């Protein structure tokens, strides 16, 4: 059977959107897919440990995690964010299972698959490295990124207004340029930073599906990781100023900060499946490239912006008109947020299935769960029926013995 390879390249640990993106991916990934998680950005070894802890919490400890390369010039940084202490809790055996060459691990996975989705929600360092070292295998992969900034005049949570030098690109602009020019299958897709700005899980859906999540669900695992991140970030504002600001502004009971990376997960499967786009907010395309400082240069897909060489995009005007019609309405955004909450809640950890060997991961098998439920119900009814029949038979025997004893006593009295 043909299999799909899915690579999640993540800088998990610093902000909470990577956490929810990983758990949401576990609910969206096709049943026949095999997953590899690559840790990127600064201190990728620590981030790999954090990613492994997430997978253990979700019952997916068999999914392999690879340690990527740090961005150029940042090899000595040990910053990994508020969840670093959680990653330190791995056992020596779990830590030894981490793969040391991310691009080689991706190559092995892709070689054994019929197609691949490479989802980058961190710096593009390792996507670039893979595309350069294994260009023939990159040709089997669709690249989907949470990266870039094109839509103008969007106020971001930390005070900037788009367009900006988006963090994932700015962390390693040279790698972003290289990755964009790689031999990928089809046109790379980019979830612009503005797409996820308003994706905050909150309100009735959040309280019903996540805050009150039952043990053994992906939502429960996500909530536990969020609590760890929230506590660590809020209590260390000097060490994690941006994360602390997000945590203090958003109590867990009310919802989450902006979940930028979740949009890239949905974007990947919306377009790969060939289905029509469910959420209008995810209509996006590919920039022409990036500047050396991390600004997005606008390509023809973005509306004919004329500055393709050295200036950041957009020039406010024509592009704004395109985005006014192509991006989210409040209703589509609300539906997306609701659907993410429901997806997390309904995915039970013990319902996941491995697909084809070690490291494979499949989506929630609803059919298997239903079959199992009805099977248990029918077995219970059968056992109850047998028990009742035995009880009835036992009662009849007691009645018969009682009647026989009564008759014997009556006969004995008559004889006397």
Protein backbone atom coordinates (compact mmCIF):
# COMPACT_ATOMS: atom_id res chain seq x y z
CA UNK A 1 0.00 0.00 0.00
CA UNK A 2 1.28 3.47 -0.91
CA UNK A 3 2.35 5.54 2.06
CA UNK A 4 2.70 9.24 2.66
CA UNK A 5 5.66 10.70 4.53
CA UNK A 6 4.98 13.75 6.68
CA UNK A 7 7.81 15.81 8.13
CA UNK A 8 7.09 18.40 10.80
CA UNK A 9 10.04 20.78 11.11
CA UNK A 10 9.42 22.76 14.29
CA UNK A 11 11.08 25.15 16.74
CA UNK A 12 8.86 23.78 19.52
CA UNK A 13 9.42 25.01 23.06
CA UNK A 14 9.48 28.78 22.74
CA UNK A 15 5.86 29.62 21.84
CA UNK A 16 2.77 27.52 22.40
CA UNK A 17 1.59 27.50 18.78
CA UNK A 18 4.12 24.76 17.90
CA UNK A 19 2.65 22.59 20.66
CA UNK A 20 -0.88 22.90 19.32
CA UNK A 21 0.34 22.49 15.75
CA UNK A 22 1.97 19.15 16.63
CA UNK A 23 -1.08 17.85 18.47
CA UNK A 24 -3.41 19.10 15.71
CA UNK A 25 -1.22 17.34 13.14
CA UNK A 26 -1.80 14.06 14.99
CA UNK A 27 -5.54 14.49 14.40
CA UNK A 28 -5.21 15.49 10.71
CA UNK A 29 -2.50 13.20 9.39
CA UNK A 30 -3.80 10.53 6.96
CA UNK A 31 -4.04 6.97 8.21
CA UNK A 32 -1.42 5.66 5.79
CA UNK A 33 1.14 8.35 6.64
CA UNK A 34 4.40 8.02 8.51
CA UNK A 35 5.59 10.95 10.58
CA UNK A 36 9.01 12.35 11.41
CA UNK A 37 9.51 15.36 13.67
CA UNK A 38 12.59 17.55 13.06
CA UNK A 39 13.69 20.03 15.74
CA UNK A 40 14.98 23.31 14.35
CA UNK A 41 16.15 26.76 15.52
CA UNK A 42 18.54 27.40 18.41
CA UNK A 43 19.45 24.49 20.71
CA UNK A 44 17.83 21.90 18.41
CA UNK A 45 18.94 19.05 20.68
CA UNK A 46 16.91 20.50 23.57
CA UNK A 47 13.96 21.16 21.28
CA UNK A 48 14.12 17.55 20.07
CA UNK A 49 13.78 16.44 23.70
CA UNK A 50 10.77 18.74 24.09
CA UNK A 51 9.18 17.32 20.94
CA UNK A 52 9.75 13.78 22.21
CA UNK A 53 7.97 14.65 25.46
CA UNK A 54 4.98 15.92 23.47
CA UNK A 55 4.79 12.66 21.54
CA UNK A 56 5.07 10.58 24.71
CA UNK A 57 2.24 12.61 26.26
CA UNK A 58 0.11 11.85 23.20
CA UNK A 59 0.95 8.15 23.26
CA UNK A 60 3.06 8.47 20.09
CA UNK A 61 6.50 7.65 21.51
CA UNK A 62 7.26 5.46 18.47
CA UNK A 63 7.34 8.52 16.18
CA UNK A 64 11.01 9.34 15.49
CA UNK A 65 12.44 12.74 16.35
CA UNK A 66 15.55 14.13 14.65
CA UNK A 67 17.91 16.86 15.81
CA UNK A 68 18.25 19.47 13.08
CA UNK A 69 20.96 22.02 12.40
CA UNK A 70 20.84 25.39 14.18
CA UNK A 71 20.47 28.55 12.06
CA UNK A 72 23.65 30.03 10.65
CA UNK A 73 25.60 31.89 13.31
CA UNK A 74 23.51 30.56 16.20
CA UNK A 75 25.20 27.23 16.91
CA UNK A 76 26.24 28.25 20.42
CA UNK A 77 22.85 29.48 21.63
CA UNK A 78 21.21 27.25 24.23
CA UNK A 79 17.88 29.07 24.21
CA UNK A 80 14.94 26.68 23.76
CA UNK A 81 12.07 28.42 25.55
CA UNK A 82 9.81 27.79 28.54
CA UNK A 83 9.39 24.06 27.87
CA UNK A 84 13.11 23.27 28.05
CA UNK A 85 12.78 21.84 31.56
CA UNK A 86 10.12 19.39 30.36
CA UNK A 87 12.47 18.00 27.72
CA UNK A 88 15.09 17.44 30.41
CA UNK A 89 12.79 14.84 32.00
CA UNK A 90 13.47 12.27 29.26
CA UNK A 91 15.01 8.98 30.32
CA UNK A 92 18.48 8.11 28.99
CA UNK A 93 16.90 5.53 26.66
CA UNK A 94 14.42 8.07 25.27
CA UNK A 95 17.19 10.60 24.76
CA UNK A 96 19.34 8.00 22.99
CA UNK A 97 16.51 7.38 20.49
CA UNK A 98 16.83 10.90 19.04
CA UNK A 99 18.27 10.89 15.52
CA UNK A 100 21.38 12.99 14.96
CA UNK A 101 21.19 13.82 11.23
CA UNK A 102 17.82 15.34 10.40
CA UNK A 103 18.24 15.54 6.62
CA UNK A 104 19.40 11.93 6.41
CA UNK A 105 16.41 10.86 8.51
CA UNK A 106 14.07 12.77 6.19
CA UNK A 107 15.74 11.15 3.17
CA UNK A 108 15.22 7.65 4.60
CA UNK A 109 11.57 8.36 5.30
CA UNK A 110 10.91 9.88 1.88
CA UNK A 111 12.70 7.06 0.05
CA UNK A 112 10.21 4.57 1.48
CA UNK A 113 7.13 6.70 0.71
CA UNK A 114 5.13 7.42 -2.41
CA UNK A 115 4.76 11.12 -1.59
CA UNK A 116 5.80 13.59 1.09
CA UNK A 117 4.64 16.76 2.78
CA UNK A 118 7.40 18.79 4.40
CA UNK A 119 5.76 21.18 6.88
CA UNK A 120 8.13 23.83 8.22
CA UNK A 121 6.86 25.86 11.17
CA UNK A 122 10.28 26.98 12.35
CA UNK A 123 13.36 28.46 10.62
CA UNK A 124 13.95 26.94 7.19
CA UNK A 125 17.52 25.82 7.96
CA UNK A 126 16.81 22.11 7.70
CA UNK A 127 14.39 22.35 4.79
CA UNK A 128 17.18 24.07 2.87
CA UNK A 129 19.75 21.51 3.95
CA UNK A 130 17.54 18.62 2.85
CA UNK A 131 16.73 20.22 -0.51
CA UNK A 132 20.45 20.77 -1.23
CA UNK A 133 21.71 17.36 -0.05
CA UNK A 134 18.86 15.30 -1.51
CA UNK A 135 17.35 17.28 -4.43
CA UNK A 136 15.95 14.15 -6.10
CA UNK A 137 14.01 13.31 -2.94
CA UNK A 138 12.88 16.89 -2.41
CA UNK A 139 11.18 16.44 -5.76
CA UNK A 140 8.76 14.02 -4.05
CA UNK A 141 7.86 16.55 -1.35
CA UNK A 142 5.40 19.40 -1.20
CA UNK A 143 6.81 22.24 0.91
CA UNK A 144 4.36 24.02 3.22
CA UNK A 145 5.60 26.73 5.58
CA UNK A 146 4.41 29.08 8.26
CA UNK A 147 6.62 31.89 7.06
CA UNK A 148 6.66 35.27 5.42
CA UNK A 149 4.75 38.54 5.76
CA UNK A 150 2.85 40.04 2.86
CA UNK A 151 -0.63 41.17 3.88
CA UNK A 152 -0.27 44.80 5.00
CA UNK A 153 -1.61 46.70 8.00
CA UNK A 154 -2.23 43.71 10.30
CA UNK A 155 -1.50 44.48 13.96
CA UNK A 156 0.53 41.62 15.45
CA UNK A 157 0.27 40.64 19.15
CA UNK A 158 3.73 41.96 20.05
CA UNK A 159 3.08 45.47 18.70
CA UNK A 160 4.42 45.39 15.14
CA UNK A 161 2.29 46.01 12.05
CA UNK A 162 2.78 43.95 8.88
CA UNK A 163 4.68 43.67 6.64
CA UNK A 164 7.52 42.58 8.93
CA UNK A 165 10.64 40.45 8.76
CA UNK A 166 8.78 37.35 9.92
CA UNK A 167 10.65 35.42 12.63
CA UNK A 168 11.01 32.03 10.90
CA UNK A 169 12.54 33.73 7.85
CA UNK A 170 14.57 36.31 9.75
CA UNK A 171 16.19 33.60 11.92
CA UNK A 172 17.95 32.23 8.83
CA UNK A 173 17.16 34.35 5.78
CA UNK A 174 19.83 32.68 3.64
CA UNK A 175 18.31 29.25 4.32
CA UNK A 176 14.83 30.62 3.52
CA UNK A 177 16.10 31.81 0.15
CA UNK A 178 17.69 28.43 -0.54
CA UNK A 179 14.64 26.47 0.56
CA UNK A 180 12.31 28.48 -1.65
CA UNK A 181 14.48 27.71 -4.68
CA UNK A 182 14.63 23.96 -3.93
CA UNK A 183 13.48 21.19 -6.23
CA UNK A 184 10.12 20.72 -4.48
CA UNK A 185 7.03 19.09 -5.90
CA UNK A 186 4.70 21.84 -7.04
CA UNK A 187 4.67 25.42 -5.83
CA UNK A 188 5.56 25.82 -2.15
CA UNK A 189 2.72 27.08 0.02
CA UNK A 190 3.24 29.75 2.65
CA UNK A 191 0.94 30.60 5.55
CA UNK A 192 1.65 34.31 5.92
CA UNK A 193 2.08 35.55 9.52
CA UNK A 194 -1.22 37.42 9.24
CA UNK A 195 -3.16 34.18 8.66
CA UNK A 196 -2.76 32.89 12.20
CA UNK A 197 -2.92 36.20 13.99
CA UNK A 198 -6.61 35.74 14.89
CA UNK A 199 -6.49 31.96 15.33
CA UNK A 200 -6.93 31.79 19.08
CA UNK A 201 -8.74 28.82 20.58
CA UNK A 202 -11.21 30.39 22.97
CA UNK A 203 -14.83 30.81 23.97
CA UNK A 204 -17.39 28.02 24.17
CA UNK A 205 -15.44 25.59 21.95
CA UNK A 206 -12.30 25.97 24.04
CA UNK A 207 -14.10 25.44 27.34
CA UNK A 208 -16.15 22.52 26.08
CA UNK A 209 -13.59 20.59 24.06
CA UNK A 210 -10.22 21.39 25.65
CA UNK A 211 -10.53 22.81 29.17
CA UNK A 212 -12.93 19.98 30.07
CA UNK A 213 -11.05 17.36 28.06
CA UNK A 214 -11.26 13.81 29.32
CA UNK A 215 -8.12 11.91 30.21
CA UNK A 216 -6.75 9.93 27.28
CA UNK A 217 -7.56 12.50 24.60
CA UNK A 218 -5.16 14.56 22.52
CA UNK A 219 -6.86 17.65 23.96
CA UNK A 220 -5.91 16.54 27.48
CA UNK A 221 -2.29 16.08 26.41
CA UNK A 222 -2.30 19.51 24.74
CA UNK A 223 -3.79 21.14 27.82
CA UNK A 224 -1.13 19.59 30.07
CA UNK A 225 1.68 20.85 27.80
CA UNK A 226 0.03 24.28 27.66
CA UNK A 227 -0.16 24.42 31.46
CA UNK A 228 3.56 23.59 31.70
CA UNK A 229 4.44 26.28 29.15
CA UNK A 230 2.13 28.82 30.75
CA UNK A 231 3.53 28.32 34.26
CA UNK A 232 7.15 28.47 33.10
CA UNK A 233 6.68 31.50 30.83
CA UNK A 234 4.64 33.55 33.30
CA UNK A 235 7.08 32.94 36.14
CA UNK A 236 10.21 33.83 34.11
CA UNK A 237 9.49 37.17 32.38
CA UNK A 238 13.15 38.16 32.27
CA UNK A 239 14.23 34.93 30.58
CA UNK A 240 11.18 34.63 28.28
CA UNK A 241 9.81 38.17 27.81
CA UNK A 242 7.65 37.55 24.71
CA UNK A 243 6.28 34.22 25.93
CA UNK A 244 5.65 35.70 29.37
CA UNK A 245 3.72 38.56 27.80
CA UNK A 246 1.51 36.09 25.93
CA UNK A 247 0.97 33.91 28.98
CA UNK A 248 0.07 36.79 31.27
CA UNK A 249 -2.35 38.26 28.74
CA UNK A 250 -4.18 34.95 28.27
CA UNK A 251 -5.32 32.85 31.26
CA UNK A 252 -5.63 29.17 30.38
CA UNK A 253 -9.30 29.18 31.30
CA UNK A 254 -10.06 31.73 28.58
CA UNK A 255 -8.06 30.27 25.68
CA UNK A 256 -4.72 30.50 23.90
CA UNK A 257 -2.54 33.20 22.35
CA UNK A 258 -2.39 33.39 18.55
CA UNK A 259 -1.67 29.94 17.06
CA UNK A 260 0.15 30.92 13.88
CA UNK A 261 1.60 27.46 13.18
CA UNK A 262 -1.73 25.64 13.24
CA UNK A 263 -2.67 27.31 9.95
CA UNK A 264 0.26 25.62 8.19
CA UNK A 265 -0.96 22.18 9.30
CA UNK A 266 -4.40 22.73 7.84
CA UNK A 267 -2.96 24.38 4.73
CA UNK A 268 -0.85 21.28 4.06
CA UNK A 269 -3.73 18.83 4.07
CA UNK A 270 -6.29 21.13 2.47
CA UNK A 271 -4.17 21.45 -0.65
CA UNK A 272 -2.53 18.02 -0.72
CA UNK A 273 -5.83 16.15 -0.55
CA UNK A 274 -7.04 17.90 -3.70
CA UNK A 275 -10.21 18.98 -1.94
CA UNK A 276 -11.60 22.48 -2.17
CA UNK A 277 -10.36 24.82 0.53
CA UNK A 278 -12.71 24.62 3.51
CA UNK A 279 -11.47 27.78 5.16
CA UNK A 280 -11.15 30.89 2.93
CA UNK A 281 -8.48 32.22 5.28
CA UNK A 282 -6.06 29.57 3.96
CA UNK A 283 -5.96 30.82 0.38
CA UNK A 284 -2.31 31.70 -0.03
CA UNK A 285 0.59 31.15 -2.39
CA UNK A 286 4.30 31.59 -2.88
CA UNK A 287 6.45 34.73 -2.57
CA UNK A 288 9.15 35.37 -5.15
CA UNK A 289 11.84 35.27 -2.46
CA UNK A 290 13.12 36.90 0.72
CA UNK A 291 15.50 39.75 1.40
CA UNK A 292 18.71 39.19 3.34
CA UNK A 293 17.05 40.76 6.39
CA UNK A 294 14.01 38.48 6.27
CA UNK A 295 11.38 40.57 4.50
CA UNK A 296 9.15 38.85 1.95
CA UNK A 297 9.52 39.86 -1.69
CA UNK A 298 6.27 39.68 -3.58
CA UNK A 299 5.82 37.38 -6.57
CA UNK A 300 3.12 37.43 -9.23
CA UNK A 301 0.98 35.06 -7.14
CA UNK A 302 0.64 37.88 -4.60
CA UNK A 303 -1.05 40.22 -7.06
CA UNK A 304 1.55 41.52 -9.48
CA UNK A 305 3.68 43.46 -7.02
CA UNK A 306 6.40 45.06 -9.12
CA UNK A 307 9.38 44.95 -6.73
CA UNK A 308 10.78 41.46 -7.27
CA UNK A 309 14.45 42.05 -6.63
CA UNK A 310 15.56 43.93 -3.55
CA UNK A 311 12.65 45.61 -1.78
CA UNK A 312 10.29 44.06 0.73
CA UNK A 313 6.71 43.54 -0.33
CA UNK A 314 4.00 44.67 -0.51
CA UNK A 315 3.73 48.17 -1.88
CA UNK A 316 0.47 49.11 -0.23
CA UNK A 317 -2.25 49.33 -2.85
CA UNK A 318 -2.91 46.55 -5.37
CA UNK A 319 -1.96 43.77 -2.97
CA UNK A 320 -4.26 45.08 -0.27
CA UNK A 321 -7.21 44.78 -2.65
CA UNK A 322 -6.41 41.11 -3.28
CA UNK A 323 -6.16 40.30 0.40
CA UNK A 324 -9.40 42.10 1.17
CA UNK A 325 -11.28 39.52 -0.90
CA UNK A 326 -9.15 36.40 -0.39
CA UNK A 327 -8.73 36.26 3.37
CA UNK A 328 -10.81 35.21 6.29
CA UNK A 329 -14.25 36.37 7.19
CA UNK A 330 -15.18 36.18 10.89
CA UNK A 331 -17.45 33.21 10.18
CA UNK A 332 -14.75 31.16 8.42
CA UNK A 333 -12.26 31.96 11.18
CA UNK A 334 -14.79 30.97 13.86
CA UNK A 335 -15.46 27.69 12.05
CA UNK A 336 -11.75 26.94 11.80
CA UNK A 337 -11.18 27.58 15.52
CA UNK A 338 -14.20 25.42 16.41
CA UNK A 339 -13.05 22.59 14.13
CA UNK A 340 -9.56 22.57 15.65
CA UNK A 341 -11.06 22.30 19.15
CA UNK A 342 -13.39 19.48 18.14
CA UNK A 343 -10.57 17.65 16.34
CA UNK A 344 -8.37 17.74 19.44
CA UNK A 345 -11.20 16.59 21.67
CA UNK A 346 -12.38 13.65 19.56
CA UNK A 347 -8.91 12.21 18.91
CA UNK A 348 -8.35 9.64 21.64
CA UNK A 349 -4.80 8.57 22.29
CA UNK A 350 -5.63 4.85 22.43
CA UNK A 351 -7.38 5.03 19.03
CA UNK A 352 -4.29 5.90 17.00
CA UNK A 353 -2.87 3.23 14.75
CA UNK A 354 0.65 2.68 13.49
CA UNK A 355 0.94 2.63 9.73
CA UNK A 356 3.65 0.39 8.37
CA UNK A 357 6.42 -0.20 10.84
CA UNK A 358 8.35 1.73 13.46
CA UNK A 359 7.79 5.45 13.50
CA UNK A 360 4.56 5.34 11.52
CA UNK A 361 1.56 7.20 12.74
CA UNK A 362 -2.02 7.17 11.58
CA UNK A 363 -5.03 9.32 12.19
CA UNK A 364 -7.76 8.48 14.64
CA UNK A 365 -9.50 5.31 13.55
CA UNK A 366 -13.12 6.27 14.17
CA UNK A 367 -14.39 3.17 12.41
CA UNK A 368 -12.25 0.91 14.58
CA UNK A 369 -13.43 2.72 17.67
CA UNK A 370 -17.08 2.29 16.66
CA UNK A 371 -16.57 -1.37 15.86
CA UNK A 372 -14.86 -1.87 19.19
CA UNK A 373 -17.62 -0.04 21.05
CA UNK A 374 -20.43 -2.03 19.47
CA UNK A 375 -18.46 -5.24 19.91
CA UNK A 376 -18.10 -4.61 23.63
CA UNK A 377 -21.76 -3.62 23.87
CA UNK A 378 -22.92 -6.81 22.13
CA UNK A 379 -20.63 -8.95 24.31
CA UNK A 380 -22.02 -7.24 27.41
CA UNK A 381 -25.62 -7.92 26.29
CA UNK A 382 -24.77 -11.57 25.60
CA UNK A 383 -23.13 -11.99 29.01
CA UNK A 384 -26.11 -10.32 30.70
CA UNK A 385 -28.52 -12.60 28.86
CA UNK A 386 -26.61 -15.72 29.92
CA UNK A 387 -26.44 -14.45 33.51
CA UNK A 388 -30.19 -13.82 33.58
CA UNK A 389 -30.96 -17.27 32.15
CA UNK A 390 -28.79 -18.90 34.79
CA UNK A 391 -30.44 -16.86 37.51
CA UNK A 392 -33.88 -17.85 36.23
CA UNK A 393 -32.86 -21.51 36.04
CA UNK A 394 -31.48 -21.34 39.57
CA UNK A 395 -34.71 -19.77 40.80
CA UNK A 396 -36.76 -22.50 39.15
CA UNK A 397 -34.63 -25.16 40.86
CA UNK A 398 -35.11 -23.51 44.24
CA UNK A 399 -38.85 -23.30 43.64
CA UNK A 400 -38.98 -26.95 42.63
CA UNK A 401 -36.97 -28.03 45.69
CA UNK A 402 -39.15 -25.90 47.95
CA UNK A 403 -42.28 -27.40 46.45
CA UNK A 404 -40.87 -30.92 46.85
CA UNK A 405 -39.95 -30.25 50.48
CA UNK A 406 -43.42 -28.84 51.16
CA UNK A 407 -45.04 -31.92 49.63
CA UNK A 408 -42.83 -34.21 51.70
CA UNK A 409 -43.69 -32.36 54.90
CA UNK A 410 -47.39 -32.50 54.03
CA UNK A 411 -47.18 -36.25 53.40
CA UNK A 412 -45.32 -36.77 56.71
CA UNK A 413 -48.01 -34.81 58.61
CA UNK A 414 -50.79 -36.76 56.99
CA UNK A 415 -49.07 -40.02 57.92
CA UNK A 416 -48.81 -38.99 61.57
